[in-house]
Every structure is written in structure tokens, then in C-alpha cells.
C-alpha atoms as a PDB file:
ATOM      1  CA  MET A   1     -18.453  50.099  -9.480  1.00  0.00           C
ATOM      2  CA  ARG A   2     -14.992  49.154  -8.243  1.00  0.00           C
ATOM      3  CA  VAL A   3     -14.158  45.530  -7.512  1.00  0.00           C
ATOM      4  CA  LEU A   4     -11.110  44.411  -5.533  1.00  0.00           C
ATOM      5  CA  ILE A   5      -9.745  40.972  -6.438  1.00  0.00           C
ATOM      6  CA  VAL A   6      -7.512  39.431  -3.765  1.00  0.00           C
ATOM      7  CA  ASP A   7      -5.730  36.269  -4.891  1.00  0.00           C
ATOM      8  CA  ASP A   8      -2.119  35.122  -4.659  1.00  0.00           C
ATOM      9  CA  GLU A   9      -2.298  33.269  -7.981  1.00  0.00           C
ATOM     10  CA  GLN A  10      -1.293  35.731 -10.702  1.00  0.00           C
ATOM     11  CA  ASN A  11      -3.083  33.932 -13.520  1.00  0.00           C
ATOM     12  CA  ILE A  12      -6.360  33.930 -11.571  1.00  0.00           C
ATOM     13  CA  ARG A  13      -6.020  37.640 -10.687  1.00  0.00           C
ATOM     14  CA  GLU A  14      -5.297  38.565 -14.292  1.00  0.00           C
ATOM     15  CA  THR A  15      -8.099  36.404 -15.721  1.00  0.00           C
ATOM     16  CA  LEU A  16     -10.704  37.787 -13.331  1.00  0.00           C
ATOM     17  CA  GLU A  17      -9.437  41.343 -13.761  1.00  0.00           C
ATOM     18  CA  GLU A  18      -9.635  41.180 -17.563  1.00  0.00           C
ATOM     19  CA  PHE A  19     -13.020  39.448 -17.477  1.00  0.00           C
ATOM     20  CA  LEU A  20     -14.595  42.028 -15.156  1.00  0.00           C
ATOM     21  CA  GLN A  21     -12.996  44.976 -16.959  1.00  0.00           C
ATOM     22  CA  ASP A  22     -14.480  43.676 -20.209  1.00  0.00           C
ATOM     23  CA  GLU A  23     -17.859  43.768 -18.440  1.00  0.00           C
ATOM     24  CA  GLY A  24     -17.336  47.437 -17.546  1.00  0.00           C
ATOM     25  CA  TYR A  25     -16.152  47.192 -13.948  1.00  0.00           C
ATOM     26  CA  GLU A  26     -13.225  49.129 -12.498  1.00  0.00           C
ATOM     27  CA  VAL A  27     -10.909  46.531 -11.000  1.00  0.00           C
ATOM     28  CA  LYS A  28      -8.042  46.680  -8.525  1.00  0.00           C
ATOM     29  CA  THR A  29      -6.028  43.667  -7.464  1.00  0.00           C
ATOM     30  CA  ALA A  30      -3.936  42.538  -4.518  1.00  0.00           C
ATOM     31  CA  SER A  31      -1.703  39.474  -4.329  1.00  0.00           C
ATOM     32  CA  ASN A  32      -1.881  39.059  -0.553  1.00  0.00           C
ATOM     33  CA  GLY A  33      -4.026  39.989   2.411  1.00  0.00           C
ATOM     34  CA  ALA A  34      -1.710  42.717   3.684  1.00  0.00           C
ATOM     35  CA  ASP A  35      -1.816  44.556   0.339  1.00  0.00           C
ATOM     36  CA  ALA A  36      -5.600  44.208   0.228  1.00  0.00           C
ATOM     37  CA  LEU A  37      -5.988  45.762   3.681  1.00  0.00           C
ATOM     38  CA  SER A  38      -3.584  48.580   2.738  1.00  0.00           C
ATOM     39  CA  LEU A  39      -5.524  49.316  -0.446  1.00  0.00           C
ATOM     40  CA  MET A  40      -8.828  49.427   1.409  1.00  0.00           C
ATOM     41  CA  ALA A  41      -7.399  51.623   4.183  1.00  0.00           C
ATOM     42  CA  GLY A  42      -5.879  54.159   1.831  1.00  0.00           C
ATOM     43  CA  GLU A  43      -8.837  55.000  -0.384  1.00  0.00           C
ATOM     44  CA  GLU A  44     -12.583  54.782  -0.744  1.00  0.00           C
ATOM     45  CA  PRO A  45     -13.681  51.210  -0.051  1.00  0.00           C
ATOM     46  CA  PRO A  46     -14.430  49.032  -3.078  1.00  0.00           C
ATOM     47  CA  GLY A  47     -17.997  48.171  -3.988  1.00  0.00           C
ATOM     48  CA  LEU A  48     -17.185  44.468  -3.783  1.00  0.00           C
ATOM     49  CA  VAL A  49     -14.268  42.225  -2.753  1.00  0.00           C
ATOM     50  CA  ILE A  50     -13.539  38.856  -4.367  1.00  0.00           C
ATOM     51  CA  LEU A  51     -11.415  37.185  -1.729  1.00  0.00           C
ATOM     52  CA  ASP A  52      -9.304  34.026  -1.766  1.00  0.00           C
ATOM     53  CA  MET A  53      -8.966  32.339   1.625  1.00  0.00           C
ATOM     54  CA  MET A  54      -5.418  30.986   1.319  1.00  0.00           C
ATOM     55  CA  LEU A  55      -3.227  34.075   1.042  1.00  0.00           C
ATOM     56  CA  PRO A  56       0.324  34.906   2.106  1.00  0.00           C
ATOM     57  CA  LEU A  57       1.102  37.406   4.897  1.00  0.00           C
ATOM     58  CA  VAL A  58      -2.503  37.879   6.041  1.00  0.00           C
ATOM     59  CA  SER A  59      -5.024  35.096   5.395  1.00  0.00           C
ATOM     60  CA  GLY A  60      -8.315  35.665   3.624  1.00  0.00           C
ATOM     61  CA  GLN A  61     -10.090  34.746   6.850  1.00  0.00           C
ATOM     62  CA  GLU A  62      -8.223  37.511   8.691  1.00  0.00           C
ATOM     63  CA  VAL A  63      -8.911  40.017   5.900  1.00  0.00           C
ATOM     64  CA  TYR A  64     -12.617  39.171   6.160  1.00  0.00           C
ATOM     65  CA  GLU A  65     -12.599  39.457   9.970  1.00  0.00           C
ATOM     66  CA  ARG A  66     -10.792  42.814   9.856  1.00  0.00           C
ATOM     67  CA  MET A  67     -13.275  44.071   7.264  1.00  0.00           C
ATOM     68  CA  GLN A  68     -16.187  43.067   9.504  1.00  0.00           C
ATOM     69  CA  ALA A  69     -14.605  44.891  12.466  1.00  0.00           C
ATOM     70  CA  ASP A  70     -13.986  48.109  10.487  1.00  0.00           C
ATOM     71  CA  PRO A  71     -16.956  50.514  10.268  1.00  0.00           C
ATOM     72  CA  ARG A  72     -15.749  51.685   6.825  1.00  0.00           C
ATOM     73  CA  LEU A  73     -15.536  48.157   5.421  1.00  0.00           C
ATOM     74  CA  CYS A  74     -18.135  46.055   7.230  1.00  0.00           C
ATOM     75  CA  GLY A  75     -20.805  46.858   4.638  1.00  0.00           C
ATOM     76  CA  VAL A  76     -18.661  45.930   1.637  1.00  0.00           C
ATOM     77  CA  PRO A  77     -19.983  42.717   0.060  1.00  0.00           C
ATOM     78  CA  VAL A  78     -17.502  39.845  -0.163  1.00  0.00           C
ATOM     79  CA  ILE A  79     -17.462  36.882  -2.527  1.00  0.00           C
ATOM     80  CA  ILE A  80     -15.171  34.084  -1.372  1.00  0.00           C
ATOM     81  CA  SER A  81     -13.216  32.380  -4.157  1.00  0.00           C
ATOM     82  CA  THR A  82     -11.408  29.350  -2.781  1.00  0.00           C
ATOM     83  CA  SER A  83     -10.440  25.748  -3.295  1.00  0.00           C
ATOM     84  CA  ALA A  84     -11.003  25.155   0.443  1.00  0.00           C
ATOM     85  CA  ALA A  85     -14.691  26.035   0.723  1.00  0.00           C
ATOM     86  CA  ALA A  86     -15.081  24.163   4.027  1.00  0.00           C
ATOM     87  CA  GLY A  87     -12.883  26.764   5.749  1.00  0.00           C
ATOM     88  CA  ALA A  88     -14.733  29.804   4.389  1.00  0.00           C
ATOM     89  CA  PRO A  89     -16.586  32.115   6.782  1.00  0.00           C
ATOM     90  CA  ASN A  90     -20.369  31.880   7.046  1.00  0.00           C
ATOM     91  CA  GLY A  91     -22.258  34.665   5.323  1.00  0.00           C
ATOM     92  CA  PRO A  92     -20.545  35.514   2.063  1.00  0.00           C
ATOM     93  CA  LEU A  93     -21.228  33.675  -1.171  1.00  0.00           C
ATOM     94  CA  VAL A  94     -18.555  31.012  -1.684  1.00  0.00           C
ATOM     95  CA  LEU A  95     -17.456  30.104  -5.214  1.00  0.00           C
ATOM     96  CA  GLN A  96     -15.350  26.968  -5.473  1.00  0.00           C
ATOM     97  CA  LYS A  97     -12.172  27.237  -7.591  1.00  0.00           C
ATOM     98  CA  PRO A  98     -11.879  26.979 -10.483  1.00  0.00           C
ATOM     99  CA  VAL A  99     -14.513  29.696 -10.541  1.00  0.00           C
ATOM    100  CA  ASN A 100     -17.239  29.513 -13.161  1.00  0.00           C
ATOM    101  CA  LEU A 101     -17.038  32.949 -14.817  1.00  0.00           C
ATOM    102  CA  ASP A 102     -20.757  33.111 -15.648  1.00  0.00           C
ATOM    103  CA  ARG A 103     -21.647  32.382 -12.021  1.00  0.00           C
ATOM    104  CA  LEU A 104     -19.098  34.950 -10.839  1.00  0.00           C
ATOM    105  CA  LEU A 105     -20.480  37.608 -13.175  1.00  0.00           C
ATOM    106  CA  ALA A 106     -24.036  36.937 -11.988  1.00  0.00           C
ATOM    107  CA  ALA A 107     -22.872  37.303  -8.368  1.00  0.00           C
ATOM    108  CA  VAL A 108     -20.952  40.507  -9.104  1.00  0.00           C
ATOM    109  CA  LYS A 109     -23.962  42.015 -10.903  1.00  0.00           C
ATOM    110  CA  ASN A 110     -26.185  41.025  -7.992  1.00  0.00           C
ATOM    111  CA  HIS A 111     -23.885  42.643  -5.413  1.00  0.00           C
ATOM    112  CA  CYS A 112     -23.278  45.715  -7.538  1.00  0.00           C
ATOM    113  CA  ALA A 113     -26.982  46.221  -8.264  1.00  0.00           C
ATOM    114  CA  GLY A 114     -26.379  45.305 -11.901  1.00  0.00           C
ATOM    115  CA  ALA A 115     -24.575  48.548 -12.650  1.00  0.00           C
ATOM    116  CA  PRO A 116     -20.876  48.475 -13.554  1.00  0.00           C
END
């Protein structure tokens, strides 16, 4: 299962990427919303997106809204990872930063049907 991590903080992207790869997941990353949308447009959609809300170029909120409006992406589960949980969209699971890795892994396994 492929997971896309979208976060502008390099250390967070790298930590989550390494953690999920160690658990057997294929991981791609994007440092801003525009790159995330380009990645999702150019290939098969990921199985799950871990999305920060405060991103440069295109906000996490806009990424989420564009995903919901796109027939290819509207079914992709999203986990919101943010320090501003009050501004997160309704629907997706919201994990407050700093993210608890055990809670994140449980959520990823749940969304990916437990199979990396």
C-alpha cells in the first residue's frame, strides 16, 4: 500500500517516511500542496494521504477539497496531521502534532486494511 505524506516540515516528512517504510509501506512525500496534487495527478492515486493543513503554495484544506472534487481521488482516505486541529475539515481523522507514532500506525493500518 502506498502512502503519500504531505508536510512542509522536512524533519516530520523524513520521520514519518522512515517510520512507515520500516512498517512495510511504500511512501512518497511532498513538501507542499502543489507538489502533492501533481504527484496524485500523474500516477495511480495513493492508498492513503497524511496531510498537513498549513502548507505553502496550496493549503492542505485546498488539497483536501480538490481531492474530494476529483473522481479519481475522492475515495482516497485522508489523515490530517496538524497543529491547528480546529481548522481541519470534518470527516477525516485528525491527529494533533506532534503526532503519536503508535496512534498514526494504528490509523494507517485501519485505512489500509492492515496490509502494507
